[in-house]
Amino acid sequence: MARICHSCGKRPAFGQSRSHSMVATKRRFDINVQKVRILESGAPKRVYVCTRCLKAGKVTKA
């Protein structure tokens, strides 16, 4: 399942890990998402929301 923020649409970024010899291997930068219950159109719903949106108060927790 894709872990995407329900509020802002933020998703994982992709890049490369570099070893001491500068060999590149693919890696994934995961975002900090939490599974929370929010109120959407009056009904509670469980969704993933990033911590930046939680701290900013962009969603109302149920």
PDB file of N, CA and C in Angstrom:
ATOM      1  N   MET A   1       0.839  -1.185   0.000  1.00  0.00           N
ATOM      2  CA  MET A   1       0.000   0.000   0.000  1.00  0.00           C
ATOM      3  C   MET A   1       0.882   1.246   0.000  1.00  0.00           C
ATOM      4  N   ALA A   2       0.519   2.203  -0.813  1.00  0.00           N
ATOM      5  CA  ALA A   2       1.293   3.433  -0.902  1.00  0.00           C
ATOM      6  C   ALA A   2       1.036   4.301   0.322  1.00  0.00           C
ATOM      7  N   ARG A   3       2.092   4.772   0.939  1.00  0.00           N
ATOM      8  CA  ARG A   3       1.956   5.645   2.107  1.00  0.00           C
ATOM      9  C   ARG A   3       2.068   7.088   1.645  1.00  0.00           C
ATOM     10  N   ILE A   4       0.916   7.661   1.338  1.00  0.00           N
ATOM     11  CA  ILE A   4       0.832   9.027   0.827  1.00  0.00           C
ATOM     12  C   ILE A   4       0.000   9.835   1.805  1.00  0.00           C
ATOM     13  N   CYS A   5       0.414  11.085   2.059  1.00  0.00           N
ATOM     14  CA  CYS A   5      -0.338  11.945   2.965  1.00  0.00           C
ATOM     15  C   CYS A   5      -1.690  12.295   2.344  1.00  0.00           C
ATOM     16  N   HIS A   6      -2.748  12.086   3.128  1.00  0.00           N
ATOM     17  CA  HIS A   6      -4.100  12.354   2.663  1.00  0.00           C
ATOM     18  C   HIS A   6      -4.345  13.852   2.484  1.00  0.00           C
ATOM     19  N   SER A   7      -3.670  14.663   3.288  1.00  0.00           N
ATOM     20  CA  SER A   7      -3.907  16.102   3.287  1.00  0.00           C
ATOM     21  C   SER A   7      -3.143  16.824   2.169  1.00  0.00           C
ATOM     22  N   CYS A   8      -1.839  16.610   2.100  1.00  0.00           N
ATOM     23  CA  CYS A   8      -1.023  17.390   1.154  1.00  0.00           C
ATOM     24  C   CYS A   8      -0.538  16.584  -0.047  1.00  0.00           C
ATOM     25  N   GLY A   9      -0.690  15.257  -0.006  1.00  0.00           N
ATOM     26  CA  GLY A   9      -0.280  14.438  -1.148  1.00  0.00           C
ATOM     27  C   GLY A   9       1.202  14.143  -1.189  1.00  0.00           C
ATOM     28  N   LYS A  10       1.898  14.410  -0.087  1.00  0.00           N
ATOM     29  CA  LYS A  10       3.338  14.138  -0.043  1.00  0.00           C
ATOM     30  C   LYS A  10       3.560  12.635  -0.144  1.00  0.00           C
ATOM     31  N   ARG A  11       4.572  12.224  -0.911  1.00  0.00           N
ATOM     32  CA  ARG A  11       4.857  10.816  -1.133  1.00  0.00           C
ATOM     33  C   ARG A  11       6.353  10.571  -0.988  1.00  0.00           C
ATOM     34  N   PRO A  12       6.799   9.316  -0.940  1.00  0.00           N
ATOM     35  CA  PRO A  12       8.225   9.039  -0.780  1.00  0.00           C
ATOM     36  C   PRO A  12       9.054   9.597  -1.933  1.00  0.00           C
ATOM     37  N   ALA A  13      10.276  10.010  -1.600  1.00  0.00           N
ATOM     38  CA  ALA A  13      11.223  10.476  -2.610  1.00  0.00           C
ATOM     39  C   ALA A  13      12.233   9.362  -2.856  1.00  0.00           C
ATOM     40  N   PHE A  14      12.824   9.353  -4.023  1.00  0.00           N
ATOM     41  CA  PHE A  14      13.781   8.315  -4.368  1.00  0.00           C
ATOM     42  C   PHE A  14      15.127   8.936  -4.680  1.00  0.00           C
ATOM     43  N   GLY A  15      16.179   8.221  -4.317  1.00  0.00           N
ATOM     44  CA  GLY A  15      17.535   8.715  -4.556  1.00  0.00           C
ATOM     45  C   GLY A  15      18.503   7.555  -4.554  1.00  0.00           C
ATOM     46  N   GLN A  16      19.746   7.849  -4.181  1.00  0.00           N
ATOM     47  CA  GLN A  16      20.775   6.829  -4.185  1.00  0.00           C
ATOM     48  C   GLN A  16      21.594   6.897  -2.911  1.00  0.00           C
ATOM     49  N   SER A  17      21.935   5.718  -2.388  1.00  0.00           N
ATOM     50  CA  SER A  17      22.892   5.621  -1.293  1.00  0.00           C
ATOM     51  C   SER A  17      24.276   5.553  -1.924  1.00  0.00           C
ATOM     52  N   ARG A  18      25.232   6.204  -1.295  1.00  0.00           N
ATOM     53  CA  ARG A  18      26.601   6.177  -1.798  1.00  0.00           C
ATOM     54  C   ARG A  18      27.492   5.517  -0.761  1.00  0.00           C
ATOM     55  N   SER A  19      28.184   4.453  -1.162  1.00  0.00           N
ATOM     56  CA  SER A  19      29.105   3.783  -0.262  1.00  0.00           C
ATOM     57  C   SER A  19      30.435   4.544  -0.244  1.00  0.00           C
ATOM     58  N   HIS A  20      31.370   4.042   0.545  1.00  0.00           N
ATOM     59  CA  HIS A  20      32.687   4.699   0.646  1.00  0.00           C
ATOM     60  C   HIS A  20      33.388   4.742  -0.712  1.00  0.00           C
ATOM     61  N   SER A  21      33.136   3.720  -1.543  1.00  0.00           N
ATOM     62  CA  SER A  21      33.753   3.693  -2.872  1.00  0.00           C
ATOM     63  C   SER A  21      32.899   4.402  -3.911  1.00  0.00           C
ATOM     64  N   MET A  22      31.858   5.114  -3.467  1.00  0.00           N
ATOM     65  CA  MET A  22      30.948   5.886  -4.310  1.00  0.00           C
ATOM     66  C   MET A  22      30.116   5.025  -5.256  1.00  0.00           C
ATOM     67  N   VAL A  23      29.891   3.755  -4.902  1.00  0.00           N
ATOM     68  CA  VAL A  23      28.986   2.905  -5.663  1.00  0.00           C
ATOM     69  C   VAL A  23      27.563   3.317  -5.296  1.00  0.00           C
ATOM     70  N   ALA A  24      26.733   3.526  -6.299  1.00  0.00           N
ATOM     71  CA  ALA A  24      25.365   3.992  -6.073  1.00  0.00           C
ATOM     72  C   ALA A  24      24.404   2.819  -6.027  1.00  0.00           C
ATOM     73  N   THR A  25      23.570   2.780  -4.977  1.00  0.00           N
ATOM     74  CA  THR A  25      22.482   1.819  -4.906  1.00  0.00           C
ATOM     75  C   THR A  25      21.203   2.605  -4.658  1.00  0.00           C
ATOM     76  N   LYS A  26      20.113   2.147  -5.251  1.00  0.00           N
ATOM     77  CA  LYS A  26      18.852   2.883  -5.145  1.00  0.00           C
ATOM     78  C   LYS A  26      18.299   2.789  -3.729  1.00  0.00           C
ATOM     79  N   ARG A  27      17.700   3.871  -3.261  1.00  0.00           N
ATOM     80  CA  ARG A  27      17.060   3.884  -1.952  1.00  0.00           C
ATOM     81  C   ARG A  27      15.821   4.750  -1.995  1.00  0.00           C
ATOM     82  N   ARG A  28      15.061   4.682  -0.920  1.00  0.00           N
ATOM     83  CA  ARG A  28      13.783   5.373  -0.859  1.00  0.00           C
ATOM     84  C   ARG A  28      13.737   6.193   0.425  1.00  0.00           C
ATOM     85  N   PHE A  29      13.418   7.473   0.318  1.00  0.00           N
ATOM     86  CA  PHE A  29      13.287   8.364   1.469  1.00  0.00           C
ATOM     87  C   PHE A  29      11.812   8.390   1.860  1.00  0.00           C
ATOM     88  N   ASP A  30      11.447   7.623   2.900  1.00  0.00           N
ATOM     89  CA  ASP A  30      10.053   7.555   3.327  1.00  0.00           C
ATOM     90  C   ASP A  30       9.696   8.784   4.148  1.00  0.00           C
ATOM     91  N   ILE A  31       8.451   9.220   4.017  1.00  0.00           N
ATOM     92  CA  ILE A  31       7.976  10.360   4.787  1.00  0.00           C
ATOM     93  C   ILE A  31       7.394   9.858   6.097  1.00  0.00           C
ATOM     94  N   ASN A  32       7.300  10.728   7.072  1.00  0.00           N
ATOM     95  CA  ASN A  32       6.780  10.371   8.382  1.00  0.00           C
ATOM     96  C   ASN A  32       5.261  10.522   8.361  1.00  0.00           C
ATOM     97  N   VAL A  33       4.566   9.429   8.079  1.00  0.00           N
ATOM     98  CA  VAL A  33       3.104   9.447   8.051  1.00  0.00           C
ATOM     99  C   VAL A  33       2.569   8.610   9.196  1.00  0.00           C
ATOM    100  N   GLN A  34       1.478   9.067   9.775  1.00  0.00           N
ATOM    101  CA  GLN A  34       0.826   8.381  10.878  1.00  0.00           C
ATOM    102  C   GLN A  34      -0.594   8.034  10.443  1.00  0.00           C
ATOM    103  N   LYS A  35      -1.089   6.887  10.902  1.00  0.00           N
ATOM    104  CA  LYS A  35      -2.461   6.484  10.607  1.00  0.00           C
ATOM    105  C   LYS A  35      -3.351   7.084  11.683  1.00  0.00           C
ATOM    106  N   VAL A  36      -4.211   8.018  11.307  1.00  0.00           N
ATOM    107  CA  VAL A  36      -5.070   8.709  12.269  1.00  0.00           C
ATOM    108  C   VAL A  36      -6.521   8.663  11.789  1.00  0.00           C
ATOM    109  N   ARG A  37      -7.420   8.831  12.751  1.00  0.00           N
ATOM    110  CA  ARG A  37      -8.844   8.949  12.429  1.00  0.00           C
ATOM    111  C   ARG A  37      -9.165  10.421  12.276  1.00  0.00           C
ATOM    112  N   ILE A  38      -9.705  10.802  11.109  1.00  0.00           N
ATOM    113  CA  ILE A  38     -10.059  12.196  10.865  1.00  0.00           C
ATOM    114  C   ILE A  38     -11.551  12.270  10.546  1.00  0.00           C
ATOM    115  N   LEU A  39     -12.074  13.464  10.638  1.00  0.00           N
ATOM    116  CA  LEU A  39     -13.463  13.698  10.241  1.00  0.00           C
ATOM    117  C   LEU A  39     -13.471  14.226   8.817  1.00  0.00           C
ATOM    118  N   GLU A  40     -14.079  13.461   7.926  1.00  0.00           N
ATOM    119  CA  GLU A  40     -14.195  13.896   6.540  1.00  0.00           C
ATOM    120  C   GLU A  40     -15.670  13.848   6.167  1.00  0.00           C
ATOM    121  N   SER A  41     -16.214  14.994   5.857  1.00  0.00           N
ATOM    122  CA  SER A  41     -17.638  15.183   5.544  1.00  0.00           C
ATOM    123  C   SER A  41     -18.534  14.583   6.633  1.00  0.00           C
ATOM    124  N   GLY A  42     -18.134  14.821   7.880  1.00  0.00           N
ATOM    125  CA  GLY A  42     -18.950  14.415   9.023  1.00  0.00           C
ATOM    126  C   GLY A  42     -18.772  12.988   9.499  1.00  0.00           C
ATOM    127  N   ALA A  43     -18.047  12.179   8.751  1.00  0.00           N
ATOM    128  CA  ALA A  43     -17.861  10.778   9.128  1.00  0.00           C
ATOM    129  C   ALA A  43     -16.398  10.504   9.458  1.00  0.00           C
ATOM    130  N   PRO A  44     -16.127   9.714  10.489  1.00  0.00           N
ATOM    131  CA  PRO A  44     -14.736   9.388  10.795  1.00  0.00           C
ATOM    132  C   PRO A  44     -14.151   8.430   9.763  1.00  0.00           C
ATOM    133  N   LYS A  45     -12.867   8.612   9.486  1.00  0.00           N
ATOM    134  CA  LYS A  45     -12.199   7.824   8.463  1.00  0.00           C
ATOM    135  C   LYS A  45     -10.743   7.656   8.874  1.00  0.00           C
ATOM    136  N   ARG A  46     -10.164   6.456   8.693  1.00  0.00           N
ATOM    137  CA  ARG A  46      -8.754   6.222   9.002  1.00  0.00           C
ATOM    138  C   ARG A  46      -7.915   6.471   7.754  1.00  0.00           C
ATOM    139  N   VAL A  47      -6.978   7.411   7.861  1.00  0.00           N
ATOM    140  CA  VAL A  47      -6.119   7.744   6.726  1.00  0.00           C
ATOM    141  C   VAL A  47      -4.697   7.993   7.225  1.00  0.00           C
ATOM    142  N   TYR A  48      -3.762   8.020   6.291  1.00  0.00           N
ATOM    143  CA  TYR A  48      -2.384   8.378   6.596  1.00  0.00           C
ATOM    144  C   TYR A  48      -2.226   9.885   6.421  1.00  0.00           C
ATOM    145  N   VAL A  49      -1.650  10.539   7.445  1.00  0.00           N
ATOM    146  CA  VAL A  49      -1.407  11.972   7.397  1.00  0.00           C
ATOM    147  C   VAL A  49       0.026  12.217   7.842  1.00  0.00           C
ATOM    148  N   CYS A  50       0.758  13.070   7.129  1.00  0.00           N
ATOM    149  CA  CYS A  50       2.138  13.350   7.515  1.00  0.00           C
ATOM    150  C   CYS A  50       2.156  14.217   8.777  1.00  0.00           C
ATOM    151  N   THR A  51       3.248  14.130   9.504  1.00  0.00           N
ATOM    152  CA  THR A  51       3.334  14.815  10.791  1.00  0.00           C
ATOM    153  C   THR A  51       3.349  16.328  10.621  1.00  0.00           C
ATOM    154  N   ARG A  52       3.808  16.814   9.495  1.00  0.00           N
ATOM    155  CA  ARG A  52       3.796  18.265   9.259  1.00  0.00           C
ATOM    156  C   ARG A  52       2.367  18.788   9.170  1.00  0.00           C
ATOM    157  N   CYS A  53       1.485  18.029   8.525  1.00  0.00           N
ATOM    158  CA  CYS A  53       0.074  18.420   8.438  1.00  0.00           C
ATOM    159  C   CYS A  53      -0.619  18.281   9.790  1.00  0.00           C
ATOM    160  N   LEU A  54      -0.246  17.279  10.576  1.00  0.00           N
ATOM    161  CA  LEU A  54      -0.824  17.100  11.903  1.00  0.00           C
ATOM    162  C   LEU A  54      -0.463  18.279  12.808  1.00  0.00           C
ATOM    163  N   LYS A  55       0.806  18.677  12.787  1.00  0.00           N
ATOM    164  CA  LYS A  55       1.244  19.780  13.636  1.00  0.00           C
ATOM    165  C   LYS A  55       0.649  21.105  13.192  1.00  0.00           C
ATOM    166  N   ALA A  56       0.422  21.263  11.888  1.00  0.00           N
ATOM    167  CA  ALA A  56      -0.134  22.517  11.367  1.00  0.00           C
ATOM    168  C   ALA A  56      -1.641  22.592  11.557  1.00  0.00           C
ATOM    169  N   GLY A  57      -2.280  21.490  11.944  1.00  0.00           N
ATOM    170  CA  GLY A  57      -3.716  21.483  12.158  1.00  0.00           C
ATOM    171  C   GLY A  57      -4.527  21.474  10.880  1.00  0.00           C
ATOM    172  N   LYS A  58      -3.987  20.875   9.826  1.00  0.00           N
ATOM    173  CA  LYS A  58      -4.697  20.840   8.540  1.00  0.00           C
ATOM    174  C   LYS A  58      -5.814  19.808   8.524  1.00  0.00           C
ATOM    175  N   VAL A  59      -5.816  18.885   9.483  1.00  0.00           N
ATOM    176  CA  VAL A  59      -6.872  17.892   9.585  1.00  0.00           C
ATOM    177  C   VAL A  59      -7.475  17.951  10.975  1.00  0.00           C
ATOM    178  N   THR A  60      -8.749  17.612  11.092  1.00  0.00           N
ATOM    179  CA  THR A  60      -9.401  17.567  12.396  1.00  0.00           C
ATOM    180  C   THR A  60      -9.511  16.102  12.798  1.00  0.00           C
ATOM    181  N   LYS A  61      -8.898  15.758  13.919  1.00  0.00           N
ATOM    182  CA  LYS A  61      -8.917  14.382  14.404  1.00  0.00           C
ATOM    183  C   LYS A  61     -10.294  14.045  14.965  1.00  0.00           C
ATOM    184  N   ALA A  62     -10.709  12.819  14.748  1.00  0.00           N
ATOM    185  CA  ALA A  62     -12.011  12.364  15.253  1.00  0.00           C
ATOM    186  C   ALA A  62     -11.855  11.775  16.650  1.00  0.00           C
TER     187      ALA A  62
END
